Amino acid sequence: MKKIPDNFKSILWSYDFSLCDPIKMKNTIITNAISYGNLDHWRWIKSFYGVGAVKKVLNTMPNLTIRPSALRLANLMF
């Protein structure tokens, strides 16, 4: 199983981090990274999942799922 970097513990605080699977939890990880993460989180999801996958998740999430200011910036970056 691929490992999520330890710096994601702060944005996945409501989950048992040792059980977090980056493949099974792709939508959650991307959504939390965009909403609550910093540039390091964004770089990791971009390199791990790819721009296309991040865009797909962003386009399928309800607008209220991600903070509006973060969503505007994500749309520029991805």
PDB file of N, CA and C in Angstrom:
ATOM      1  N   MET A   1       0.854  -1.187   0.000  1.00  0.00           N
ATOM      2  CA  MET A   1       0.000   0.000   0.000  1.00  0.00           C
ATOM      3  C   MET A   1       0.894   1.243   0.000  1.00  0.00           C
ATOM      4  N   LYS A   2       0.560   2.181  -0.832  1.00  0.00           N
ATOM      5  CA  LYS A   2       1.275   3.460  -0.858  1.00  0.00           C
ATOM      6  C   LYS A   2       0.991   4.195   0.440  1.00  0.00           C
ATOM      7  N   LYS A   3       1.965   4.968   0.866  1.00  0.00           N
ATOM      8  CA  LYS A   3       1.838   5.679   2.140  1.00  0.00           C
ATOM      9  C   LYS A   3       1.566   7.160   1.910  1.00  0.00           C
ATOM     10  N   ILE A   4       0.678   7.687   2.709  1.00  0.00           N
ATOM     11  CA  ILE A   4       0.385   9.114   2.696  1.00  0.00           C
ATOM     12  C   ILE A   4       1.428   9.795   3.582  1.00  0.00           C
ATOM     13  N   PRO A   5       1.990  10.911   3.147  1.00  0.00           N
ATOM     14  CA  PRO A   5       2.985  11.598   3.979  1.00  0.00           C
ATOM     15  C   PRO A   5       2.418  11.988   5.347  1.00  0.00           C
ATOM     16  N   ASP A   6       3.282  11.983   6.345  1.00  0.00           N
ATOM     17  CA  ASP A   6       2.870  12.293   7.722  1.00  0.00           C
ATOM     18  C   ASP A   6       2.249  13.674   7.869  1.00  0.00           C
ATOM     19  N   ASN A   7       2.623  14.618   7.002  1.00  0.00           N
ATOM     20  CA  ASN A   7       2.053  15.964   7.148  1.00  0.00           C
ATOM     21  C   ASN A   7       0.552  15.994   6.841  1.00  0.00           C
ATOM     22  N   PHE A   8      -0.001  14.897   6.338  1.00  0.00           N
ATOM     23  CA  PHE A   8      -1.445  14.824   6.081  1.00  0.00           C
ATOM     24  C   PHE A   8      -2.232  14.511   7.354  1.00  0.00           C
ATOM     25  N   LYS A   9      -1.566  14.139   8.425  1.00  0.00           N
ATOM     26  CA  LYS A   9      -2.271  13.844   9.681  1.00  0.00           C
ATOM     27  C   LYS A   9      -3.111  15.027  10.135  1.00  0.00           C
ATOM     28  N   SER A  10      -2.608  16.228   9.921  1.00  0.00           N
ATOM     29  CA  SER A  10      -3.322  17.419  10.381  1.00  0.00           C
ATOM     30  C   SER A  10      -4.604  17.685   9.597  1.00  0.00           C
ATOM     31  N   ILE A  11      -4.684  17.228   8.362  1.00  0.00           N
ATOM     32  CA  ILE A  11      -5.904  17.467   7.576  1.00  0.00           C
ATOM     33  C   ILE A  11      -6.794  16.224   7.498  1.00  0.00           C
ATOM     34  N   LEU A  12      -6.304  15.113   8.025  1.00  0.00           N
ATOM     35  CA  LEU A  12      -7.104  13.881   8.097  1.00  0.00           C
ATOM     36  C   LEU A  12      -7.289  13.481   9.566  1.00  0.00           C
ATOM     37  N   TRP A  13      -7.391  14.474  10.421  1.00  0.00           N
ATOM     38  CA  TRP A  13      -7.452  14.261  11.866  1.00  0.00           C
ATOM     39  C   TRP A  13      -8.640  13.412  12.299  1.00  0.00           C
ATOM     40  N   SER A  14      -9.714  13.400  11.542  1.00  0.00           N
ATOM     41  CA  SER A  14     -10.902  12.647  11.960  1.00  0.00           C
ATOM     42  C   SER A  14     -10.851  11.181  11.536  1.00  0.00           C
ATOM     43  N   TYR A  15      -9.747  10.764  10.939  1.00  0.00           N
ATOM     44  CA  TYR A  15      -9.579   9.384  10.488  1.00  0.00           C
ATOM     45  C   TYR A  15      -8.426   8.731  11.245  1.00  0.00           C
ATOM     46  N   ASP A  16      -8.475   7.416  11.342  1.00  0.00           N
ATOM     47  CA  ASP A  16      -7.333   6.679  11.887  1.00  0.00           C
ATOM     48  C   ASP A  16      -6.265   6.697  10.792  1.00  0.00           C
ATOM     49  N   PHE A  17      -5.270   7.553  10.971  1.00  0.00           N
ATOM     50  CA  PHE A  17      -4.287   7.804   9.918  1.00  0.00           C
ATOM     51  C   PHE A  17      -3.557   6.531   9.495  1.00  0.00           C
ATOM     52  N   SER A  18      -3.327   5.631  10.421  1.00  0.00           N
ATOM     53  CA  SER A  18      -2.609   4.399  10.084  1.00  0.00           C
ATOM     54  C   SER A  18      -3.403   3.513   9.123  1.00  0.00           C
ATOM     55  N   LEU A  19      -4.706   3.727   9.045  1.00  0.00           N
ATOM     56  CA  LEU A  19      -5.556   2.932   8.155  1.00  0.00           C
ATOM     57  C   LEU A  19      -5.917   3.659   6.857  1.00  0.00           C
ATOM     58  N   CYS A  20      -5.458   4.887   6.704  1.00  0.00           N
ATOM     59  CA  CYS A  20      -5.796   5.672   5.510  1.00  0.00           C
ATOM     60  C   CYS A  20      -5.095   5.105   4.278  1.00  0.00           C
ATOM     61  N   ASP A  21      -5.882   4.785   3.281  1.00  0.00           N
ATOM     62  CA  ASP A  21      -5.372   4.246   2.026  1.00  0.00           C
ATOM     63  C   ASP A  21      -5.532   5.326   0.956  1.00  0.00           C
ATOM     64  N   PRO A  22      -4.438   5.778   0.337  1.00  0.00           N
ATOM     65  CA  PRO A  22      -4.537   6.874  -0.622  1.00  0.00           C
ATOM     66  C   PRO A  22      -5.340   6.533  -1.880  1.00  0.00           C
ATOM     67  N   ILE A  23      -5.491   5.255  -2.177  1.00  0.00           N
ATOM     68  CA  ILE A  23      -6.282   4.866  -3.353  1.00  0.00           C
ATOM     69  C   ILE A  23      -7.770   4.842  -2.988  1.00  0.00           C
ATOM     70  N   LYS A  24      -8.099   4.151  -1.915  1.00  0.00           N
ATOM     71  CA  LYS A  24      -9.507   4.037  -1.504  1.00  0.00           C
ATOM     72  C   LYS A  24     -10.090   5.364  -1.039  1.00  0.00           C
ATOM     73  N   MET A  25      -9.240   6.236  -0.489  1.00  0.00           N
ATOM     74  CA  MET A  25      -9.708   7.506   0.069  1.00  0.00           C
ATOM     75  C   MET A  25      -9.354   8.694  -0.822  1.00  0.00           C
ATOM     76  N   LYS A  26      -9.182   8.452  -2.098  1.00  0.00           N
ATOM     77  CA  LYS A  26      -8.737   9.500  -3.023  1.00  0.00           C
ATOM     78  C   LYS A  26      -9.585  10.762  -2.926  1.00  0.00           C
ATOM     79  N   ASN A  27     -10.893  10.638  -3.000  1.00  0.00           N
ATOM     80  CA  ASN A  27     -11.762  11.819  -2.965  1.00  0.00           C
ATOM     81  C   ASN A  27     -11.611  12.587  -1.654  1.00  0.00           C
ATOM     82  N   THR A  28     -11.575  11.873  -0.554  1.00  0.00           N
ATOM     83  CA  THR A  28     -11.433  12.506   0.756  1.00  0.00           C
ATOM     84  C   THR A  28     -10.095  13.216   0.880  1.00  0.00           C
ATOM     85  N   ILE A  29      -9.035  12.555   0.457  1.00  0.00           N
ATOM     86  CA  ILE A  29      -7.700  13.135   0.581  1.00  0.00           C
ATOM     87  C   ILE A  29      -7.576  14.378  -0.291  1.00  0.00           C
ATOM     88  N   ILE A  30      -8.045  14.301  -1.518  1.00  0.00           N
ATOM     89  CA  ILE A  30      -7.975  15.465  -2.413  1.00  0.00           C
ATOM     90  C   ILE A  30      -8.828  16.601  -1.863  1.00  0.00           C
ATOM     91  N   THR A  31     -10.041  16.306  -1.451  1.00  0.00           N
ATOM     92  CA  THR A  31     -10.941  17.337  -0.924  1.00  0.00           C
ATOM     93  C   THR A  31     -10.353  18.008   0.314  1.00  0.00           C
ATOM     94  N   ASN A  32      -9.844  17.215   1.250  1.00  0.00           N
ATOM     95  CA  ASN A  32      -9.261  17.793   2.460  1.00  0.00           C
ATOM     96  C   ASN A  32      -7.988  18.569   2.160  1.00  0.00           C
ATOM     97  N   ALA A  33      -7.182  18.070   1.234  1.00  0.00           N
ATOM     98  CA  ALA A  33      -5.949  18.790   0.875  1.00  0.00           C
ATOM     99  C   ALA A  33      -6.278  20.144   0.264  1.00  0.00           C
ATOM    100  N   ILE A  34      -7.273  20.187  -0.608  1.00  0.00           N
ATOM    101  CA  ILE A  34      -7.655  21.453  -1.237  1.00  0.00           C
ATOM    102  C   ILE A  34      -8.263  22.395  -0.200  1.00  0.00           C
ATOM    103  N   SER A  35      -9.140  21.885   0.639  1.00  0.00           N
ATOM    104  CA  SER A  35      -9.837  22.741   1.598  1.00  0.00           C
ATOM    105  C   SER A  35      -8.965  23.197   2.756  1.00  0.00           C
ATOM    106  N   TYR A  36      -8.149  22.306   3.281  1.00  0.00           N
ATOM    107  CA  TYR A  36      -7.452  22.599   4.534  1.00  0.00           C
ATOM    108  C   TYR A  36      -5.934  22.517   4.451  1.00  0.00           C
ATOM    109  N   GLY A  37      -5.422  22.045   3.339  1.00  0.00           N
ATOM    110  CA  GLY A  37      -3.986  21.841   3.216  1.00  0.00           C
ATOM    111  C   GLY A  37      -3.223  23.082   2.792  1.00  0.00           C
ATOM    112  N   ASN A  38      -1.920  22.920   2.747  1.00  0.00           N
ATOM    113  CA  ASN A  38      -1.048  23.989   2.287  1.00  0.00           C
ATOM    114  C   ASN A  38      -0.432  23.588   0.942  1.00  0.00           C
ATOM    115  N   LEU A  39       0.500  24.370   0.484  1.00  0.00           N
ATOM    116  CA  LEU A  39       1.092  24.113  -0.829  1.00  0.00           C
ATOM    117  C   LEU A  39       1.772  22.746  -0.897  1.00  0.00           C
ATOM    118  N   ASP A  40       2.367  22.294   0.204  1.00  0.00           N
ATOM    119  CA  ASP A  40       2.982  20.960   0.212  1.00  0.00           C
ATOM    120  C   ASP A  40       1.949  19.873  -0.014  1.00  0.00           C
ATOM    121  N   HIS A  41       0.780  19.977   0.594  1.00  0.00           N
ATOM    122  CA  HIS A  41      -0.299  19.012   0.379  1.00  0.00           C
ATOM    123  C   HIS A  41      -0.747  19.030  -1.083  1.00  0.00           C
ATOM    124  N   TRP A  42      -0.887  20.223  -1.622  1.00  0.00           N
ATOM    125  CA  TRP A  42      -1.333  20.368  -3.007  1.00  0.00           C
ATOM    126  C   TRP A  42      -0.324  19.747  -3.969  1.00  0.00           C
ATOM    127  N   ARG A  43       0.955  19.981  -3.706  1.00  0.00           N
ATOM    128  CA  ARG A  43       1.996  19.398  -4.567  1.00  0.00           C
ATOM    129  C   ARG A  43       1.957  17.885  -4.520  1.00  0.00           C
ATOM    130  N   TRP A  44       1.731  17.324  -3.331  1.00  0.00           N
ATOM    131  CA  TRP A  44       1.694  15.869  -3.215  1.00  0.00           C
ATOM    132  C   TRP A  44       0.515  15.274  -3.976  1.00  0.00           C
ATOM    133  N   ILE A  45      -0.677  15.842  -3.801  1.00  0.00           N
ATOM    134  CA  ILE A  45      -1.826  15.272  -4.527  1.00  0.00           C
ATOM    135  C   ILE A  45      -1.640  15.419  -6.030  1.00  0.00           C
ATOM    136  N   LYS A  46      -1.014  16.518  -6.447  1.00  0.00           N
ATOM    137  CA  LYS A  46      -0.757  16.716  -7.878  1.00  0.00           C
ATOM    138  C   LYS A  46       0.212  15.658  -8.400  1.00  0.00           C
ATOM    139  N   SER A  47       1.275  15.383  -7.660  1.00  0.00           N
ATOM    140  CA  SER A  47       2.258  14.402  -8.123  1.00  0.00           C
ATOM    141  C   SER A  47       1.756  12.970  -7.967  1.00  0.00           C
ATOM    142  N   PHE A  48       0.994  12.704  -6.905  1.00  0.00           N
ATOM    143  CA  PHE A  48       0.529  11.334  -6.656  1.00  0.00           C
ATOM    144  C   PHE A  48      -0.640  10.945  -7.560  1.00  0.00           C
ATOM    145  N   TYR A  49      -1.644  11.815  -7.647  1.00  0.00           N
ATOM    146  CA  TYR A  49      -2.848  11.489  -8.411  1.00  0.00           C
ATOM    147  C   TYR A  49      -2.816  12.008  -9.840  1.00  0.00           C
ATOM    148  N   GLY A  50      -2.071  13.062 -10.084  1.00  0.00           N
ATOM    149  CA  GLY A  50      -2.046  13.681 -11.404  1.00  0.00           C
ATOM    150  C   GLY A  50      -3.094  14.773 -11.514  1.00  0.00           C
ATOM    151  N   VAL A  51      -2.827  15.742 -12.379  1.00  0.00           N
ATOM    152  CA  VAL A  51      -3.722  16.892 -12.549  1.00  0.00           C
ATOM    153  C   VAL A  51      -5.112  16.440 -13.000  1.00  0.00           C
ATOM    154  N   GLY A  52      -5.171  15.495 -13.911  1.00  0.00           N
ATOM    155  CA  GLY A  52      -6.465  15.039 -14.429  1.00  0.00           C
ATOM    156  C   GLY A  52      -7.352  14.459 -13.354  1.00  0.00           C
ATOM    157  N   ALA A  53      -6.793  13.641 -12.493  1.00  0.00           N
ATOM    158  CA  ALA A  53      -7.582  13.029 -11.418  1.00  0.00           C
ATOM    159  C   ALA A  53      -8.040  14.074 -10.406  1.00  0.00           C
ATOM    160  N   VAL A  54      -7.177  15.030 -10.097  1.00  0.00           N
ATOM    161  CA  VAL A  54      -7.556  16.088  -9.156  1.00  0.00           C
ATOM    162  C   VAL A  54      -8.691  16.916  -9.757  1.00  0.00           C
ATOM    163  N   LYS A  55      -8.577  17.268 -11.034  1.00  0.00           N
ATOM    164  CA  LYS A  55      -9.646  18.027 -11.709  1.00  0.00           C
ATOM    165  C   LYS A  55     -10.960  17.256 -11.680  1.00  0.00           C
ATOM    166  N   LYS A  56     -10.888  15.966 -11.942  1.00  0.00           N
ATOM    167  CA  LYS A  56     -12.101  15.143 -11.962  1.00  0.00           C
ATOM    168  C   LYS A  56     -12.791  15.154 -10.598  1.00  0.00           C
ATOM    169  N   VAL A  57     -12.011  15.014  -9.536  1.00  0.00           N
ATOM    170  CA  VAL A  57     -12.582  15.045  -8.187  1.00  0.00           C
ATOM    171  C   VAL A  57     -13.188  16.419  -7.907  1.00  0.00           C
ATOM    172  N   LEU A  58     -12.464  17.471  -8.254  1.00  0.00           N
ATOM    173  CA  LEU A  58     -12.979  18.830  -8.032  1.00  0.00           C
ATOM    174  C   LEU A  58     -14.280  19.066  -8.780  1.00  0.00           C
ATOM    175  N   ASN A  59     -14.379  18.531  -9.985  1.00  0.00           N
ATOM    176  CA  ASN A  59     -15.579  18.739 -10.798  1.00  0.00           C
ATOM    177  C   ASN A  59     -16.767  17.903 -10.344  1.00  0.00           C
ATOM    178  N   THR A  60     -16.516  16.841  -9.583  1.00  0.00           N
ATOM    179  CA  THR A  60     -17.625  15.989  -9.141  1.00  0.00           C
ATOM    180  C   THR A  60     -18.084  16.303  -7.715  1.00  0.00           C
ATOM    181  N   MET A  61     -17.306  17.105  -6.981  1.00  0.00           N
ATOM    182  CA  MET A  61     -17.677  17.459  -5.615  1.00  0.00           C
ATOM    183  C   MET A  61     -18.696  18.596  -5.623  1.00  0.00           C
ATOM    184  N   PRO A  62     -19.699  18.523  -4.745  1.00  0.00           N
ATOM    185  CA  PRO A  62     -20.614  19.661  -4.613  1.00  0.00           C
ATOM    186  C   PRO A  62     -19.828  20.912  -4.209  1.00  0.00           C
ATOM    187  N   ASN A  63     -20.240  22.059  -4.704  1.00  0.00           N
ATOM    188  CA  ASN A  63     -19.514  23.306  -4.442  1.00  0.00           C
ATOM    189  C   ASN A  63     -19.319  23.601  -2.966  1.00  0.00           C
ATOM    190  N   LEU A  64     -20.230  23.195  -2.132  1.00  0.00           N
ATOM    191  CA  LEU A  64     -20.126  23.501  -0.707  1.00  0.00           C
ATOM    192  C   LEU A  64     -19.134  22.598   0.027  1.00  0.00           C
ATOM    193  N   THR A  65     -18.644  21.565  -0.641  1.00  0.00           N
ATOM    194  CA  THR A  65     -17.704  20.641  -0.012  1.00  0.00           C
ATOM    195  C   THR A  65     -16.355  21.300   0.227  1.00  0.00           C
ATOM    196  N   ILE A  66     -15.952  22.149  -0.671  1.00  0.00           N
ATOM    197  CA  ILE A  66     -14.644  22.803  -0.605  1.00  0.00           C
ATOM    198  C   ILE A  66     -14.854  24.296  -0.390  1.00  0.00           C
ATOM    199  N   ARG A  67     -14.036  24.883   0.493  1.00  0.00           N
ATOM    200  CA  ARG A  67     -14.142  26.318   0.755  1.00  0.00           C
ATOM    201  C   ARG A  67     -14.039  27.100  -0.550  1.00  0.00           C
ATOM    202  N   PRO A  68     -14.902  28.101  -0.767  1.00  0.00           N
ATOM    203  CA  PRO A  68     -14.910  28.854  -2.033  1.00  0.00           C
ATOM    204  C   PRO A  68     -13.559  29.464  -2.404  1.00  0.00           C
ATOM    205  N   SER A  69     -12.850  30.031  -1.437  1.00  0.00           N
ATOM    206  CA  SER A  69     -11.558  30.644  -1.753  1.00  0.00           C
ATOM    207  C   SER A  69     -10.545  29.583  -2.179  1.00  0.00           C
ATOM    208  N   ALA A  70     -10.577  28.432  -1.541  1.00  0.00           N
ATOM    209  CA  ALA A  70      -9.666  27.344  -1.914  1.00  0.00           C
ATOM    210  C   ALA A  70     -10.036  26.784  -3.281  1.00  0.00           C
ATOM    211  N   LEU A  71     -11.324  26.702  -3.556  1.00  0.00           N
ATOM    212  CA  LEU A  71     -11.777  26.186  -4.851  1.00  0.00           C
ATOM    213  C   LEU A  71     -11.350  27.094  -5.995  1.00  0.00           C
ATOM    214  N   ARG A  72     -11.433  28.388  -5.794  1.00  0.00           N
ATOM    215  CA  ARG A  72     -10.977  29.337  -6.854  1.00  0.00           C
ATOM    216  C   ARG A  72      -9.496  29.155  -7.137  1.00  0.00           C
ATOM    217  N   LEU A  73      -8.713  29.048  -6.104  1.00  0.00           N
ATOM    218  CA  LEU A  73      -7.267  28.857  -6.278  1.00  0.00           C
ATOM    219  C   LEU A  73      -6.978  27.492  -6.910  1.00  0.00           C
ATOM    220  N   ALA A  74      -7.680  26.466  -6.488  1.00  0.00           N
ATOM    221  CA  ALA A  74      -7.474  25.127  -7.055  1.00  0.00           C
ATOM    222  C   ALA A  74      -7.806  25.102  -8.532  1.00  0.00           C
ATOM    223  N   ASN A  75      -8.865  25.806  -8.918  1.00  0.00           N
ATOM    224  CA  ASN A  75      -9.230  25.859 -10.338  1.00  0.00           C
ATOM    225  C   ASN A  75      -8.139  26.539 -11.174  1.00  0.00           C
ATOM    226  N   LEU A  76      -7.409  27.454 -10.580  1.00  0.00           N
ATOM    227  CA  LEU A  76      -6.291  28.072 -11.295  1.00  0.00           C
ATOM    228  C   LEU A  76      -5.087  27.130 -11.386  1.00  0.00           C
ATOM    229  N   MET A  77      -4.845  26.392 -10.310  1.00  0.00           N
ATOM    230  CA  MET A  77      -3.672  25.522 -10.257  1.00  0.00           C
ATOM    231  C   MET A  77      -3.869  24.214 -11.008  1.00  0.00           C
ATOM    232  N   PHE A  78      -5.081  23.686 -10.961  1.00  0.00           N
ATOM    233  CA  PHE A  78      -5.351  22.389 -11.584  1.00  0.00           C
ATOM    234  C   PHE A  78      -6.192  22.592 -12.828  1.00  0.00           C
TER     235      PHE A  78
END
